[in-house]
Protein backbone atom coordinates (compact mmCIF):
# COMPACT_ATOMS: atom_id res chain seq x y z
CA MET A 1 147.30 56.48 -128.51
CA GLU A 2 149.71 56.83 -125.57
CA ASP A 3 153.14 55.23 -126.05
CA LEU A 4 153.65 52.72 -123.23
CA THR A 5 156.97 51.30 -124.45
CA HIS A 6 159.84 51.47 -121.99
CA THR A 7 163.05 49.76 -120.94
CA PRO A 8 162.90 47.29 -118.03
CA GLU A 9 164.68 49.80 -115.74
CA GLU A 10 162.07 52.54 -116.14
CA LYS A 11 158.43 52.29 -115.20
CA PRO A 12 155.95 54.17 -117.36
CA LYS A 13 153.73 56.85 -115.86
CA ILE A 14 150.24 55.98 -117.06
CA THR A 15 147.73 58.80 -117.06
CA PRO A 16 144.20 57.49 -117.58
CA PRO A 17 142.25 57.49 -119.72
CA VAL A 18 144.34 55.61 -122.25
CA VAL A 19 142.55 55.03 -125.56
CA PHE A 20 143.48 52.54 -128.28
CA ASP A 21 141.76 53.43 -131.53
CA ARG A 22 142.88 50.36 -133.47
CA CYS A 23 143.94 46.75 -132.98
CA PRO A 24 147.49 46.54 -131.57
CA ILE A 25 148.21 43.39 -133.61
CA CYS A 26 146.99 44.10 -137.14
CA GLY A 27 146.00 47.79 -136.97
CA GLY A 28 142.39 47.01 -137.89
CA THR A 29 139.60 49.36 -136.84
CA LYS A 30 136.60 47.01 -137.21
CA ARG A 31 135.19 46.11 -133.76
CA LEU A 32 132.91 43.07 -133.66
CA GLY A 33 131.22 43.78 -130.32
CA LEU A 34 130.56 47.46 -130.98
CA ASP A 35 129.37 46.75 -134.54
CA TYR A 36 126.97 44.06 -133.28
CA MET A 37 125.59 46.37 -130.56
CA ASP A 38 125.08 49.08 -133.21
CA GLN A 39 123.13 46.53 -135.28
CA LEU A 40 120.93 45.67 -132.27
CA ARG A 41 120.33 49.38 -131.64
CA GLY A 42 119.27 49.79 -135.26
CA GLU A 43 116.78 46.93 -134.88
CA GLY A 44 115.38 48.52 -131.71
CA LEU A 45 116.54 45.63 -129.52
CA LEU A 46 119.00 47.71 -127.50
CA HIS A 47 118.47 51.17 -126.04
CA LYS A 48 120.30 53.89 -127.98
CA ASP A 49 122.34 54.97 -124.92
CA SER A 50 123.42 51.55 -123.67
CA PHE A 51 126.92 50.15 -124.14
CA LYS A 52 128.17 53.28 -125.94
CA GLY A 53 131.80 52.39 -125.24
CA GLY A 54 131.45 48.71 -125.95
CA MET A 55 132.01 45.96 -123.42
CA VAL A 56 133.51 46.79 -120.01
CA HIS A 57 135.30 44.96 -117.22
CA GLN A 58 135.20 46.76 -113.85
CA VAL A 59 137.81 46.01 -111.20
CA ALA A 60 137.55 47.59 -107.74
CA LEU A 61 140.96 48.17 -106.19
CA VAL A 62 140.11 47.52 -102.55
CA ASP A 63 142.74 47.65 -99.83
CA GLN A 64 141.98 44.59 -97.70
CA ALA A 65 143.86 46.18 -94.79
CA HIS A 66 140.98 48.64 -94.22
CA PRO A 67 137.75 46.59 -94.12
CA PRO A 68 136.18 48.62 -91.23
CA ALA A 69 136.51 51.85 -93.22
CA ILE A 70 135.02 50.18 -96.27
CA LEU A 71 132.10 48.77 -94.29
CA ALA A 72 131.45 52.22 -92.81
CA GLN A 73 131.58 53.65 -96.34
CA VAL A 74 133.98 56.42 -95.33
CA VAL A 75 136.59 55.77 -97.98
CA ASN A 76 136.82 56.20 -101.72
CA ILE A 77 138.18 53.36 -103.77
CA LYS A 78 139.69 53.33 -107.23
CA VAL A 79 137.83 51.40 -109.90
CA LEU A 80 139.48 50.35 -113.15
CA TYR A 81 137.25 50.46 -116.22
CA ILE A 82 138.70 48.32 -118.98
CA HIS A 83 136.74 48.71 -122.21
CA TRP A 84 137.44 45.91 -124.65
CA ASP A 85 136.38 44.49 -127.98
CA ILE A 86 137.34 41.91 -130.57
CA CYS A 87 139.13 42.92 -133.75
CA GLY A 88 136.97 42.22 -136.81
CA ASP A 89 140.07 41.64 -138.94
CA CYS A 90 142.27 39.28 -136.90
CA GLY A 91 139.96 38.17 -134.06
CA ILE A 92 142.16 39.23 -131.15
CA GLN A 93 140.54 40.56 -127.96
CA TYR A 94 142.08 43.90 -127.02
CA CYS A 95 141.63 46.89 -124.75
CA THR A 96 139.98 49.89 -126.42
CA LYS A 97 140.05 52.21 -123.40
CA PHE A 98 141.56 52.06 -119.91
CA ASN A 99 140.38 54.40 -117.19
CA CYS A 100 140.58 54.64 -113.40
CA VAL A 101 138.12 56.65 -111.30
CA ASP A 102 137.57 57.31 -107.60
CA THR A 103 134.20 56.25 -106.27
CA PRO A 104 132.67 55.93 -102.79
CA ALA A 105 132.97 52.44 -101.36
CA GLN A 106 129.68 50.56 -101.48
CA VAL A 107 128.93 47.40 -99.58
CA GLN A 108 126.58 44.89 -101.15
CA MET A 109 125.14 42.34 -98.77
CA GLN A 110 124.71 38.88 -100.28
CA ALA A 111 121.62 36.76 -99.72
CA PRO A 112 122.24 33.30 -98.28
CA PRO A 113 122.50 30.49 -100.85
CA GLN A 114 119.15 29.05 -101.99
CA GLY A 115 119.45 25.90 -99.83
CA GLN A 116 119.98 27.91 -96.65
CA ARG A 117 117.00 30.14 -97.43
CA ARG A 118 114.74 27.08 -97.64
CA MET A 119 115.94 25.84 -94.26
CA PHE A 120 115.08 29.14 -92.58
CA ASN A 121 111.64 29.42 -94.20
CA GLY A 122 110.23 26.16 -92.89
CA GLY A 123 112.56 25.34 -90.03
CA MET A 124 113.83 22.20 -91.77
CA PRO A 125 114.93 21.47 -95.32
CA PRO A 126 112.19 19.87 -97.50
CA PHE A 127 113.92 16.49 -97.62
CA ALA A 128 113.96 16.25 -93.77
CA ARG A 129 110.22 16.70 -93.36
CA GLY A 130 108.21 13.56 -92.92
C-alpha cells in the first residue's frame, strides 16, 4: 500500500495504480461485494471473468474547454477507475484500487426522451389526437 500521508505544505505525487489490500479503518480483509460475487460465480449465476476486481466507478476527466476536439474524437482523455468494496468487519465503504488510464474520447449520442419520441412518430402526442 502506497503511503499518501503528507504535511499540508507538500502535495503527494500519486503514481497509479494505488492498491489498498485491507480496510483503512479496522484493517479487515473481508470484502462483502467481492465475496458475494464469488458466491454468485460458484452458483453459476455470474460469468467467471466478470467483476474480477469488484465494483468500479469510472470518471472521465474531460476538459470542457475542448469540446470540438472531443466531438471529432482526436483527443485522448484520462479515465479514473475507482475500485471499491465494503469491509465485512466494520461495514465501511472504501477504495480497493485507484487507477488512471488514457483512452480515446468517445461520443455517445443520446436518444430523445420517450415523450419526444412519441411526438415524432405520429406527428402529435397521443393525448392531442381526437
